[in-house]
Every structure is written in structure tokens, then in C-alpha cells.
Amino acid sequence: MKGKRVKCLGLAFGCALSLLGCASSADGKVEIEIVQYKPEAANYFKTVEDEFNATHDDIHLTISSPNDATTILKTRFIREDYPDIIGIGGDINYSYFVDAEILSDISDYQGIANINPGYLEIAESLELVPVEGTYILPYVANAAGVLYNRDMFEEHGWQIPETWEEMLNLCGEIQAEGILPFYFGFKDTWTCLAPWNAMAVELSPSDTAKQVNKGATTFTSEYRELAEKYMQLLPYGPNDPFAYGYNDACTAFARGESAMYPIGSYATPQILSVNPDLNIDSFVMPASDNKEDRTLNSGIDLGFCVMEGCRNKEAAYEVLDFLYADENLQKYIDDQNAVPCKTGDFRLASMLDGMLPFIEEGNMTDYQDHYYPSEMSVDALLQTFLIEKDVDDFLTTFDTNWQRYNRDIIRMVQAYEAAHGNAN
């Protein structure tokens, strides 16, 4: 058993996992507590809680959806106050939780067989070093690429691009019509990651961060083409893309002020709140010169993990069965415009039509920023790069900061490599 890496989590995990959840209430019911990190879905989960409790006599379910749930969870972990199930995203925090050994192996849960293998592979790839077992059950995903105004495209006869050259040619055509190709909201630094991630899945290996940690490559080597092409998009956006934030960009696109918006599917509720009649579709961002290289930038937006000390996994699995029932998952998809991680005949929002073939084929690649430590503030680093347009300085800074903020993981990965070899 590998030791718990306190520094990665910024936590001091205790050893009293035997004290964990799945307790019984005074009326004899098994108590199951879920803490999930998406407050925007709080109403949905309150409905799930009520419906579950109304139909189950032996289990009482409590679901909380607090703001800043990840911070709250880490604080609870310090106090050894663990919920039974957590709902989190497939990002670096999940990687830390796996490494800290506080999640239960759910390989024996039969519902795993119904999950899209592409998302199970994404979950496995997030492990800092390979571990046996399955520790998250992907629930829903989001997808990032380019949202576009379908009516505007049809009116002008514009074709969906499949290569980088076609992308730039399309932008030129749109600009020649006196229409802004893209709207950006780069005043909010996190929006700088959307085009970056969508292009990175074609231009950089999916395991770039892991290979850097192993000492096999550098970001300077892997990200140069990506950085140079990212800069080429700027002339096709507003004159000062850093003057506008996310809400500004959503509003402008909703009002027809640009033909396209490079962002994720998660933006569609905000856009449609401004213009419910907007006819939106989407396509995969083509960043390569070979259309066969296209892959959908998609990651686990929400997945559920059973905590290691849960005394009654059977009850926890019964809760998961309810959450993953087709009718309940469809309600979440409808409520949040999400992509199901479960296979089946689900209805997806029409703005995902252009991405649907990639989803059905399992042709998806995770967001590269899911491997970035939050302390590194890559979003702010990207914003600075886009303002200063100095590729060499940006890449050097990326490599330098990675070594600084990731040194504990690098040591662990390289120690694993020395002992086992090939930590893919």
C-alpha cells in the first residue's frame, strides 16, 4: 500500500477510516449521505433525494449540494467526517483522492458494465500512477469545441471545417461578410482554457502531463504548435477580447454578434437564457491538418465515488442504481444539457448534434487542464500569454512552474517508474 501524500491534497488524512459512514438511524434505516459539487444541479438532486426516500423503506438518503463543495469536503476529511458517497468531477482533485486511498474500489458494482468505455478510460488515465480497481462511476460529461449559430451558417452557406486550414478559411469567409467569427470572454481567465483544451486534444498527446512527470518530454516540446495556433485565432475575435467576460461573450453570441463561440456545452443554458430561440449547434474544434486526427474534447463533469470506509456498500450501490436509472439520468441530461456517461438511448440537446458521432463512437479525449495543479493557475498564465504573445516565454514559464508546483507528484511518479517501469 502506498503512503498517503499529504502535500498533494493539502490535507492531513487520518487513519480512522473504520469510523466512516453508512450508519443506521434511530428508526433502523441505513443512512447514506452524498455530497456533490455541482450547486447548479441542487434542485435536481433534491428531487432525487425525495423520490428515493419515498420509495425505499430501509435506506434514508441525504444529498447536499454546497457551494465550493471541494473545499468543504477537504475540510471534512481533515476532521475524519466522511460522507458515504461524493459527487465530483474528473480532474486533479479526483487524482489526489485516489492517491490518498480514501475512495473505495467499486469494481464489483454491476452498473460499471453500462458505462461508456471511453469515460472509464478517461477516469483511469487520471490516476497519478497506475492503481488496481475502479474508483469513480462516471455520471455525465461535458464537451468542448465550437458552438455556432446554425441559422447564420445555413443563410451564408458556410461549411463545418474539418481541418485547421479549413477553420482559418472559414474565419476569413465570415470576416469578409462583415461578421465577427468568434466571441471571446478572456477577461475571465478560465475561459482562456476552453479553446486551449479543445485544440490540445489534437495537437498534444493525451498523456502529455504524465510524460513530463516521467521526465520523457517537456511542455516546450509538446505545446509549441498549440500555442502558435492559439494566437492565430485572436484576429478573428473582438478587438479587445480581454475587455469581455464569460457573461458578456455568452450574451453577445446569443444576440448574433458572432457566428461562433469556442466554449463548452456547459455554456448553452447561459446563452439560451438570453435568447431562447437561438438555433445552436456545435462541432469539434479542428486543430490538425488531418481531419482523421479529430477527437472530441470531453471529460467527466460529474461522477460518484463511494468512500473507503462505507460500512454498507450494498446500500450505497442501491443509491447508485437509483441515480443511474435511465429515467433519472435523462432528467439530469434535460436539466443540465449534459452528455450521459452511461450507454443507452438517451435524448441529447440539439446543440450537441455535431458532436454526437464522436460520443457514439467513444472518440473523445480528456481536457488537458484536468491534469494541471490548481496552484499553477494555468488560466492566468494563458491570459498573460495571449496578451503578450511571447511563445518562448510562455513555454519556458509553463515548464518552470510545472516543476515548482508539481514536484511532489514528479518525485512519486519517477520513484514508481524506477520500481515498476512505464507508469502509463
Protein backbone atom coordinates (compact mmCIF):
# COMPACT_ATOMS: atom_id res chain seq x y z
CA MET A 1 0.00 0.00 0.00
CA LYS A 2 1.46 3.33 -0.96
CA GLY A 3 1.64 6.07 1.65
CA LYS A 4 -0.80 8.95 1.71
CA ARG A 5 0.59 12.06 0.05
CA VAL A 6 -0.49 14.80 2.42
CA LYS A 7 1.14 17.58 0.37
CA CYS A 8 -0.83 16.84 -2.77
CA LEU A 9 -4.14 17.30 -1.04
CA GLY A 10 -3.09 19.97 1.38
CA LEU A 11 -4.77 17.76 3.98
CA ALA A 12 -3.79 15.60 6.91
CA PHE A 13 -5.81 12.46 6.36
CA GLY A 14 -6.31 10.43 9.49
CA CYS A 15 -6.12 6.70 9.79
CA ALA A 16 -9.54 6.15 11.36
CA LEU A 17 -11.33 5.15 8.16
CA SER A 18 -13.10 2.45 10.14
CA LEU A 19 -15.22 5.21 11.68
CA LEU A 20 -16.74 6.17 8.34
CA GLY A 21 -20.37 6.39 7.22
CA CYS A 22 -23.28 4.20 6.27
CA ALA A 23 -24.58 4.49 9.81
CA SER A 24 -28.08 3.50 10.96
CA SER A 25 -30.69 6.00 12.08
CA ALA A 26 -32.89 5.72 15.17
CA ASP A 27 -35.66 4.11 13.09
CA GLY A 28 -33.31 1.40 11.84
CA LYS A 29 -32.81 2.77 8.34
CA VAL A 30 -29.35 2.80 6.83
CA GLU A 31 -28.27 6.43 6.43
CA ILE A 32 -26.49 7.31 3.18
CA GLU A 33 -25.06 10.79 2.73
CA ILE A 34 -23.96 12.21 -0.63
CA VAL A 35 -22.05 15.47 -1.02
CA GLN A 36 -21.90 16.54 -4.66
CA TYR A 37 -20.07 19.54 -6.08
CA LYS A 38 -22.50 21.00 -8.63
CA PRO A 39 -24.70 23.57 -6.87
CA GLU A 40 -26.37 24.45 -10.18
CA ALA A 41 -27.95 20.97 -10.07
CA ALA A 42 -29.16 21.27 -6.47
CA ASN A 43 -32.85 21.23 -7.40
CA TYR A 44 -32.43 18.06 -9.41
CA PHE A 45 -30.67 16.30 -6.54
CA LYS A 46 -33.30 17.45 -4.04
CA THR A 47 -35.89 15.78 -6.26
CA VAL A 48 -33.77 12.62 -6.41
CA GLU A 49 -33.46 12.61 -2.63
CA ASP A 50 -37.22 13.00 -2.12
CA GLU A 51 -38.12 10.34 -4.69
CA PHE A 52 -35.59 7.86 -3.33
CA ASN A 53 -36.77 8.27 0.25
CA ALA A 54 -40.41 7.94 -0.81
CA THR A 55 -39.72 4.59 -2.48
CA HIS A 56 -37.23 2.98 -0.08
CA ASP A 57 -38.15 1.78 3.41
CA ASP A 58 -34.73 0.59 4.57
CA ILE A 59 -32.43 3.41 3.41
CA HIS A 60 -32.61 7.14 4.09
CA LEU A 61 -30.73 9.31 1.59
CA THR A 62 -29.41 12.81 2.20
CA ILE A 63 -27.84 14.78 -0.67
CA SER A 64 -26.16 18.13 -0.15
CA SER A 65 -25.02 20.42 -2.98
CA PRO A 66 -23.00 23.18 -1.30
CA ASN A 67 -21.11 25.98 -2.96
CA ASP A 68 -17.37 25.22 -3.08
CA ALA A 69 -18.02 21.59 -2.23
CA THR A 70 -14.43 20.52 -2.89
CA THR A 71 -13.12 22.83 -0.16
CA ILE A 72 -15.85 21.66 2.20
CA LEU A 73 -15.01 18.03 1.50
CA LYS A 74 -11.31 18.57 2.17
CA THR A 75 -12.16 20.26 5.45
CA ARG A 76 -14.38 17.36 6.44
CA PHE A 77 -11.66 14.89 5.51
CA ILE A 78 -9.30 16.61 7.94
CA ARG A 79 -11.90 16.07 10.68
CA GLU A 80 -12.41 12.45 9.54
CA ASP A 81 -16.05 13.36 8.88
CA TYR A 82 -16.55 11.47 5.64
CA PRO A 83 -19.80 11.23 3.68
CA ASP A 84 -20.68 7.87 2.19
CA ILE A 85 -20.61 8.95 -1.46
CA ILE A 86 -19.11 12.02 -3.11
CA GLY A 87 -20.05 13.51 -6.46
CA ILE A 88 -17.03 15.19 -8.07
CA GLY A 89 -15.54 15.99 -11.45
CA GLY A 90 -12.84 14.02 -13.22
CA ASP A 91 -9.99 16.42 -12.53
CA ILE A 92 -6.82 16.73 -10.47
CA ASN A 93 -8.76 16.57 -7.18
CA TYR A 94 -10.06 13.13 -8.10
CA SER A 95 -6.45 12.12 -8.83
CA TYR A 96 -5.43 13.31 -5.36
CA PHE A 97 -8.29 11.43 -3.67
CA VAL A 98 -7.37 8.18 -5.43
CA ASP A 99 -3.75 8.57 -4.39
CA ALA A 100 -4.75 9.30 -0.78
CA GLU A 101 -6.61 5.95 -0.70
CA ILE A 102 -9.85 7.34 0.70
CA LEU A 103 -12.04 6.02 -2.15
CA SER A 104 -13.43 2.52 -2.35
CA ASP A 105 -12.75 0.15 -5.23
CA ILE A 106 -16.18 -0.31 -6.87
CA SER A 107 -15.06 -2.87 -9.45
CA ASP A 108 -17.72 -5.25 -8.11
CA TYR A 109 -20.56 -2.81 -8.91
CA GLN A 110 -22.52 -4.31 -11.80
CA GLY A 111 -23.52 -0.91 -13.19
CA ILE A 112 -19.98 -0.36 -14.45
CA ALA A 113 -20.83 -2.58 -17.41
CA ASN A 114 -23.25 0.09 -18.66
CA ILE A 115 -20.75 2.97 -18.69
CA ASN A 116 -19.28 4.20 -21.97
CA PRO A 117 -15.78 2.65 -22.06
CA GLY A 118 -14.32 5.95 -23.27
CA TYR A 119 -15.17 7.62 -19.97
CA LEU A 120 -13.86 4.69 -17.93
CA GLU A 121 -10.58 5.07 -19.81
CA ILE A 122 -10.54 8.79 -19.07
CA ALA A 123 -11.05 8.05 -15.37
CA GLU A 124 -8.21 5.54 -15.38
CA SER A 125 -5.91 7.99 -17.14
CA LEU A 126 -6.35 10.46 -14.27
CA GLU A 127 -4.53 8.19 -11.83
CA LEU A 128 -1.19 9.70 -10.88
CA VAL A 129 0.34 6.24 -11.01
CA PRO A 130 -1.49 3.06 -12.02
CA VAL A 131 -3.68 1.51 -9.33
CA GLU A 132 -5.82 -1.60 -9.45
CA GLY A 133 -9.56 -1.14 -9.38
CA THR A 134 -12.23 1.40 -10.30
CA TYR A 135 -12.80 4.38 -8.04
CA ILE A 136 -15.32 6.60 -9.82
CA LEU A 137 -18.52 5.85 -11.69
CA PRO A 138 -18.83 8.49 -14.43
CA TYR A 139 -22.33 10.01 -14.48
CA VAL A 140 -22.35 12.82 -17.03
CA ALA A 141 -19.78 14.56 -19.19
CA ASN A 142 -19.50 17.87 -20.97
CA ALA A 143 -18.00 18.55 -24.36
CA ALA A 144 -15.97 21.49 -25.62
CA GLY A 145 -15.33 22.71 -29.13
CA VAL A 146 -17.13 25.37 -31.11
CA LEU A 147 -20.74 26.45 -30.68
CA TYR A 148 -22.13 28.03 -33.82
CA ASN A 149 -25.23 29.87 -35.00
CA ARG A 150 -26.89 27.25 -37.19
CA ASP A 151 -29.26 29.70 -38.91
CA MET A 152 -26.40 32.05 -39.76
CA PHE A 153 -24.35 29.20 -41.24
CA GLU A 154 -27.27 28.00 -43.34
CA GLU A 155 -28.05 31.50 -44.56
CA HIS A 156 -24.50 32.07 -45.79
CA GLY A 157 -23.77 28.53 -46.92
CA TRP A 158 -20.78 28.14 -44.61
CA GLN A 159 -19.45 24.60 -44.21
CA ILE A 160 -18.29 22.97 -40.99
CA PRO A 161 -14.46 22.83 -41.06
CA GLU A 162 -12.65 19.54 -40.59
CA THR A 163 -9.01 20.73 -40.66
CA TRP A 164 -7.08 23.70 -39.32
CA GLU A 165 -6.73 25.20 -42.80
CA GLU A 166 -10.48 24.92 -43.33
CA MET A 167 -11.03 26.55 -39.93
CA LEU A 168 -8.93 29.58 -40.84
CA ASN A 169 -10.52 29.80 -44.30
CA LEU A 170 -13.97 29.76 -42.71
CA CYS A 171 -12.99 32.56 -40.35
CA GLY A 172 -11.81 34.57 -43.36
CA GLU A 173 -15.10 33.98 -45.17
CA ILE A 174 -17.14 35.06 -42.17
CA GLN A 175 -14.99 38.14 -41.63
CA ALA A 176 -15.36 39.08 -45.31
CA GLU A 177 -19.13 39.19 -44.77
CA GLY A 178 -18.63 41.82 -42.07
CA ILE A 179 -19.48 39.34 -39.31
CA LEU A 180 -17.30 38.57 -36.30
CA PRO A 181 -16.19 34.90 -36.48
CA PHE A 182 -15.57 34.37 -32.75
CA TYR A 183 -16.51 35.97 -29.49
CA PHE A 184 -14.10 35.55 -26.58
CA GLY A 185 -14.62 36.27 -22.89
CA PHE A 186 -10.97 36.34 -21.87
CA LYS A 187 -11.48 38.91 -19.09
CA ASP A 188 -12.43 35.82 -17.06
CA THR A 189 -9.20 33.87 -17.13
CA TRP A 190 -10.82 30.43 -17.00
CA THR A 191 -12.39 30.98 -20.43
CA CYS A 192 -8.88 31.03 -21.93
CA LEU A 193 -8.74 27.31 -21.21
CA ALA A 194 -11.70 26.43 -23.47
CA PRO A 195 -10.03 26.86 -26.90
CA TRP A 196 -6.73 25.63 -25.43
CA ASN A 197 -8.22 22.33 -24.29
CA ALA A 198 -10.26 21.84 -27.46
CA MET A 199 -7.16 22.26 -29.64
CA ALA A 200 -4.79 20.38 -27.34
CA VAL A 201 -6.62 17.07 -27.78
CA GLU A 202 -5.49 17.01 -31.42
CA LEU A 203 -2.10 18.68 -31.14
CA SER A 204 -0.64 17.17 -27.99
CA PRO A 205 -0.60 13.58 -26.70
CA SER A 206 -3.37 12.89 -24.19
CA ASP A 207 -0.76 11.80 -21.63
CA THR A 208 1.47 14.86 -22.04
CA ALA A 209 1.39 15.74 -18.33
CA LYS A 210 2.28 12.17 -17.34
CA GLN A 211 5.15 12.04 -19.80
CA VAL A 212 6.50 15.34 -18.45
CA ASN A 213 6.27 13.96 -14.91
CA LYS A 214 8.27 10.93 -16.01
CA GLY A 215 10.94 13.20 -17.49
CA ALA A 216 10.30 11.87 -21.01
CA THR A 217 9.40 15.22 -22.60
CA THR A 218 8.72 18.90 -21.87
CA PHE A 219 5.77 21.19 -22.42
CA THR A 220 8.05 23.34 -24.55
CA SER A 221 8.33 20.41 -26.96
CA GLU A 222 4.69 19.33 -26.85
CA TYR A 223 2.85 22.67 -26.69
CA ARG A 224 4.66 24.88 -29.22
CA GLU A 225 2.34 24.20 -32.17
CA LEU A 226 -0.66 24.50 -29.87
CA ALA A 227 0.47 27.90 -28.56
CA GLU A 228 1.28 29.23 -32.03
CA LYS A 229 -2.08 28.16 -33.45
CA TYR A 230 -3.97 29.57 -30.48
CA MET A 231 -2.57 33.02 -31.25
CA GLN A 232 -3.84 32.71 -34.83
CA LEU A 233 -7.43 32.73 -33.55
CA LEU A 234 -7.18 36.13 -31.89
CA PRO A 235 -7.58 38.29 -35.04
CA TYR A 236 -10.95 36.62 -35.62
CA GLY A 237 -12.38 37.79 -32.31
CA PRO A 238 -13.28 41.21 -30.87
CA ASN A 239 -10.63 43.92 -30.95
CA ASP A 240 -10.04 43.62 -27.21
CA PRO A 241 -11.04 40.10 -26.13
CA PHE A 242 -9.78 40.83 -22.60
CA ALA A 243 -12.41 43.53 -22.07
CA TYR A 244 -15.23 40.98 -22.05
CA GLY A 245 -16.03 38.26 -19.55
CA TYR A 246 -17.89 34.97 -19.86
CA ASN A 247 -21.34 36.50 -19.42
CA ASP A 248 -20.52 39.21 -21.99
CA ALA A 249 -19.43 36.61 -24.53
CA CYS A 250 -22.50 34.42 -23.95
CA THR A 251 -24.77 37.45 -24.33
CA ALA A 252 -23.03 38.66 -27.50
CA PHE A 253 -23.21 35.24 -29.13
CA ALA A 254 -26.85 34.87 -28.11
CA ARG A 255 -27.62 38.17 -29.82
CA GLY A 256 -25.97 37.14 -33.07
CA GLU A 257 -22.89 39.34 -32.67
CA SER A 258 -20.61 36.47 -33.71
CA ALA A 259 -21.06 33.36 -35.80
CA MET A 260 -19.16 31.09 -33.42
CA TYR A 261 -18.13 30.80 -29.77
CA PRO A 262 -15.28 28.44 -28.75
CA ILE A 263 -16.59 27.14 -25.43
CA GLY A 264 -18.07 24.02 -23.87
CA SER A 265 -21.62 22.69 -23.92
CA TYR A 266 -21.95 23.96 -20.35
CA ALA A 267 -22.41 27.49 -21.76
CA THR A 268 -25.65 26.74 -23.57
CA PRO A 269 -28.02 27.34 -20.62
CA GLN A 270 -26.49 30.80 -20.11
CA ILE A 271 -26.73 31.58 -23.84
CA LEU A 272 -30.33 30.39 -24.13
CA SER A 273 -31.34 32.40 -21.07
CA VAL A 274 -30.57 35.49 -23.18
CA ASN A 275 -32.09 34.20 -26.43
CA PRO A 276 -34.20 31.03 -26.02
CA ASP A 277 -34.86 30.93 -29.76
CA LEU A 278 -31.22 30.79 -30.83
CA ASN A 279 -30.58 27.79 -33.07
CA ILE A 280 -27.27 26.47 -31.72
CA ASP A 281 -25.23 23.53 -32.92
CA SER A 282 -21.62 22.54 -32.27
CA PHE A 283 -18.60 20.96 -33.89
CA VAL A 284 -15.26 19.58 -32.81
CA MET A 285 -12.51 22.20 -32.97
CA PRO A 286 -10.28 21.16 -35.90
CA ALA A 287 -6.69 21.98 -34.95
CA SER A 288 -4.81 19.45 -37.06
CA ASP A 289 -4.12 19.43 -40.80
CA ASN A 290 -5.51 15.88 -40.94
CA LYS A 291 -9.25 15.51 -40.39
CA GLU A 292 -8.69 11.94 -39.17
CA ASP A 293 -6.99 13.40 -36.09
CA ARG A 294 -10.22 14.96 -34.87
CA THR A 295 -11.38 13.90 -31.43
CA LEU A 296 -13.98 15.33 -29.10
CA ASN A 297 -12.70 17.24 -26.10
CA SER A 298 -14.85 15.67 -23.41
CA GLY A 299 -14.31 14.85 -19.77
CA ILE A 300 -16.19 13.60 -16.74
CA ASP A 301 -18.25 16.51 -15.46
CA LEU A 302 -19.75 14.52 -12.60
CA GLY A 303 -19.03 11.08 -11.24
CA PHE A 304 -19.77 9.30 -7.99
CA CYS A 305 -17.25 7.72 -5.63
CA VAL A 306 -18.03 5.50 -2.64
CA MET A 307 -15.80 6.31 0.31
CA GLU A 308 -13.39 3.64 1.53
CA GLY A 309 -14.94 3.29 4.99
CA CYS A 310 -18.54 2.87 3.95
CA ARG A 311 -19.85 0.00 6.10
CA ASN A 312 -22.73 -0.89 3.83
CA LYS A 313 -21.67 -0.81 0.19
CA GLU A 314 -24.83 -2.72 -0.70
CA ALA A 315 -26.91 0.28 0.38
CA ALA A 316 -24.54 2.66 -1.41
CA TYR A 317 -24.87 0.59 -4.58
CA GLU A 318 -28.66 0.71 -4.27
CA VAL A 319 -28.42 4.50 -4.26
CA LEU A 320 -26.21 4.38 -7.34
CA ASP A 321 -28.76 2.13 -9.06
CA PHE A 322 -31.38 4.81 -8.48
CA LEU A 323 -29.16 7.65 -9.67
CA TYR A 324 -28.21 5.77 -12.84
CA ALA A 325 -31.73 4.61 -13.70
CA ASP A 326 -32.38 5.76 -17.26
CA GLU A 327 -35.33 7.95 -16.35
CA ASN A 328 -33.38 9.79 -13.63
CA LEU A 329 -30.29 10.24 -15.75
CA GLN A 330 -32.45 11.59 -18.58
CA LYS A 331 -33.89 14.18 -16.19
CA TYR A 332 -30.38 15.34 -15.36
CA ILE A 333 -29.45 15.48 -19.05
CA ASP A 334 -32.51 17.61 -19.77
CA ASP A 335 -31.88 19.87 -16.79
CA GLN A 336 -28.18 20.49 -17.42
CA ASN A 337 -27.71 19.89 -21.19
CA ALA A 338 -25.27 17.16 -20.22
CA VAL A 339 -23.75 14.20 -22.04
CA PRO A 340 -24.53 10.82 -20.40
CA CYS A 341 -21.59 8.62 -19.49
CA LYS A 342 -23.93 5.64 -19.49
CA THR A 343 -24.66 3.89 -22.77
CA GLY A 344 -28.28 3.79 -23.84
CA ASP A 345 -31.00 5.51 -25.82
CA PHE A 346 -30.85 8.97 -24.27
CA ARG A 347 -32.14 12.21 -25.78
CA LEU A 348 -29.41 14.82 -26.04
CA ALA A 349 -29.87 18.53 -26.57
CA SER A 350 -29.91 19.54 -30.25
CA MET A 351 -26.87 21.78 -29.75
CA LEU A 352 -24.81 18.60 -29.39
CA ASP A 353 -25.84 17.22 -32.79
CA GLY A 354 -22.47 17.95 -34.38
CA MET A 355 -20.62 16.16 -31.58
CA LEU A 356 -22.93 13.15 -31.33
CA PRO A 357 -20.99 10.90 -33.77
CA PHE A 358 -17.84 11.29 -31.66
CA ILE A 359 -19.77 10.49 -28.48
CA GLU A 360 -21.37 7.39 -30.01
CA GLU A 361 -18.00 6.15 -31.32
CA GLY A 362 -16.27 6.76 -28.00
CA ASN A 363 -13.86 9.08 -29.82
CA MET A 364 -13.19 11.52 -27.01
CA THR A 365 -10.13 12.83 -25.21
CA ASP A 366 -10.00 14.43 -21.78
CA TYR A 367 -9.28 18.08 -21.01
CA GLN A 368 -5.55 18.63 -20.52
CA ASP A 369 -6.22 21.07 -17.71
CA HIS A 370 -7.66 18.20 -15.65
CA TYR A 371 -4.03 17.28 -15.04
CA TYR A 372 -2.88 20.78 -14.06
CA PRO A 373 -2.42 21.60 -10.35
CA SER A 374 -4.70 24.49 -9.40
CA GLU A 375 -1.81 26.30 -7.68
CA MET A 376 -0.17 26.74 -11.07
CA SER A 377 -3.04 28.98 -12.31
CA VAL A 378 -2.65 27.93 -15.93
CA ASP A 379 -5.70 30.01 -16.87
CA ALA A 380 -3.96 33.20 -15.76
CA LEU A 381 -0.75 32.06 -17.45
CA LEU A 382 -2.66 31.61 -20.71
CA GLN A 383 -4.27 35.02 -20.44
CA THR A 384 -0.86 36.64 -19.96
CA PHE A 385 0.48 34.74 -22.95
CA LEU A 386 -2.41 35.84 -25.17
CA ILE A 387 -1.81 39.45 -24.17
CA GLU A 388 1.97 39.42 -24.56
CA LYS A 389 2.13 36.91 -27.47
CA ASP A 390 5.57 35.61 -26.48
CA VAL A 391 5.52 31.89 -27.22
CA ASP A 392 9.03 31.15 -25.95
CA ASP A 393 8.49 32.92 -22.63
CA PHE A 394 5.12 31.22 -22.16
CA LEU A 395 6.50 27.73 -22.76
CA THR A 396 9.54 28.31 -20.56
CA THR A 397 7.32 29.61 -17.78
CA PHE A 398 4.96 26.65 -18.18
CA ASP A 399 7.81 24.17 -17.74
CA THR A 400 9.35 26.09 -14.85
CA ASN A 401 6.07 26.44 -12.97
CA TRP A 402 5.21 22.81 -13.58
CA GLN A 403 8.40 21.68 -11.87
CA ARG A 404 7.69 24.04 -8.99
CA TYR A 405 4.05 23.18 -8.31
CA ASN A 406 4.18 19.51 -9.29
CA ARG A 407 7.43 18.45 -7.66
CA ASP A 408 5.85 16.01 -5.18
CA ILE A 409 3.95 14.22 -7.93
CA ILE A 410 7.04 14.18 -10.14
CA ARG A 411 9.06 12.53 -7.36
CA MET A 412 6.33 9.96 -6.77
CA VAL A 413 5.93 9.14 -10.47
CA GLN A 414 9.65 8.81 -11.04
CA ALA A 415 10.00 6.63 -7.94
CA TYR A 416 7.23 4.42 -9.29
CA GLU A 417 8.95 4.30 -12.65
CA ALA A 418 12.19 3.23 -11.03
CA ALA A 419 10.41 0.45 -9.16
CA HIS A 420 7.89 -0.73 -11.74
CA GLY A 421 8.57 0.99 -15.08
CA ASN A 422 6.10 2.52 -17.51
CA ALA A 423 3.58 4.39 -15.32
CA ASN A 424 1.11 5.00 -18.16
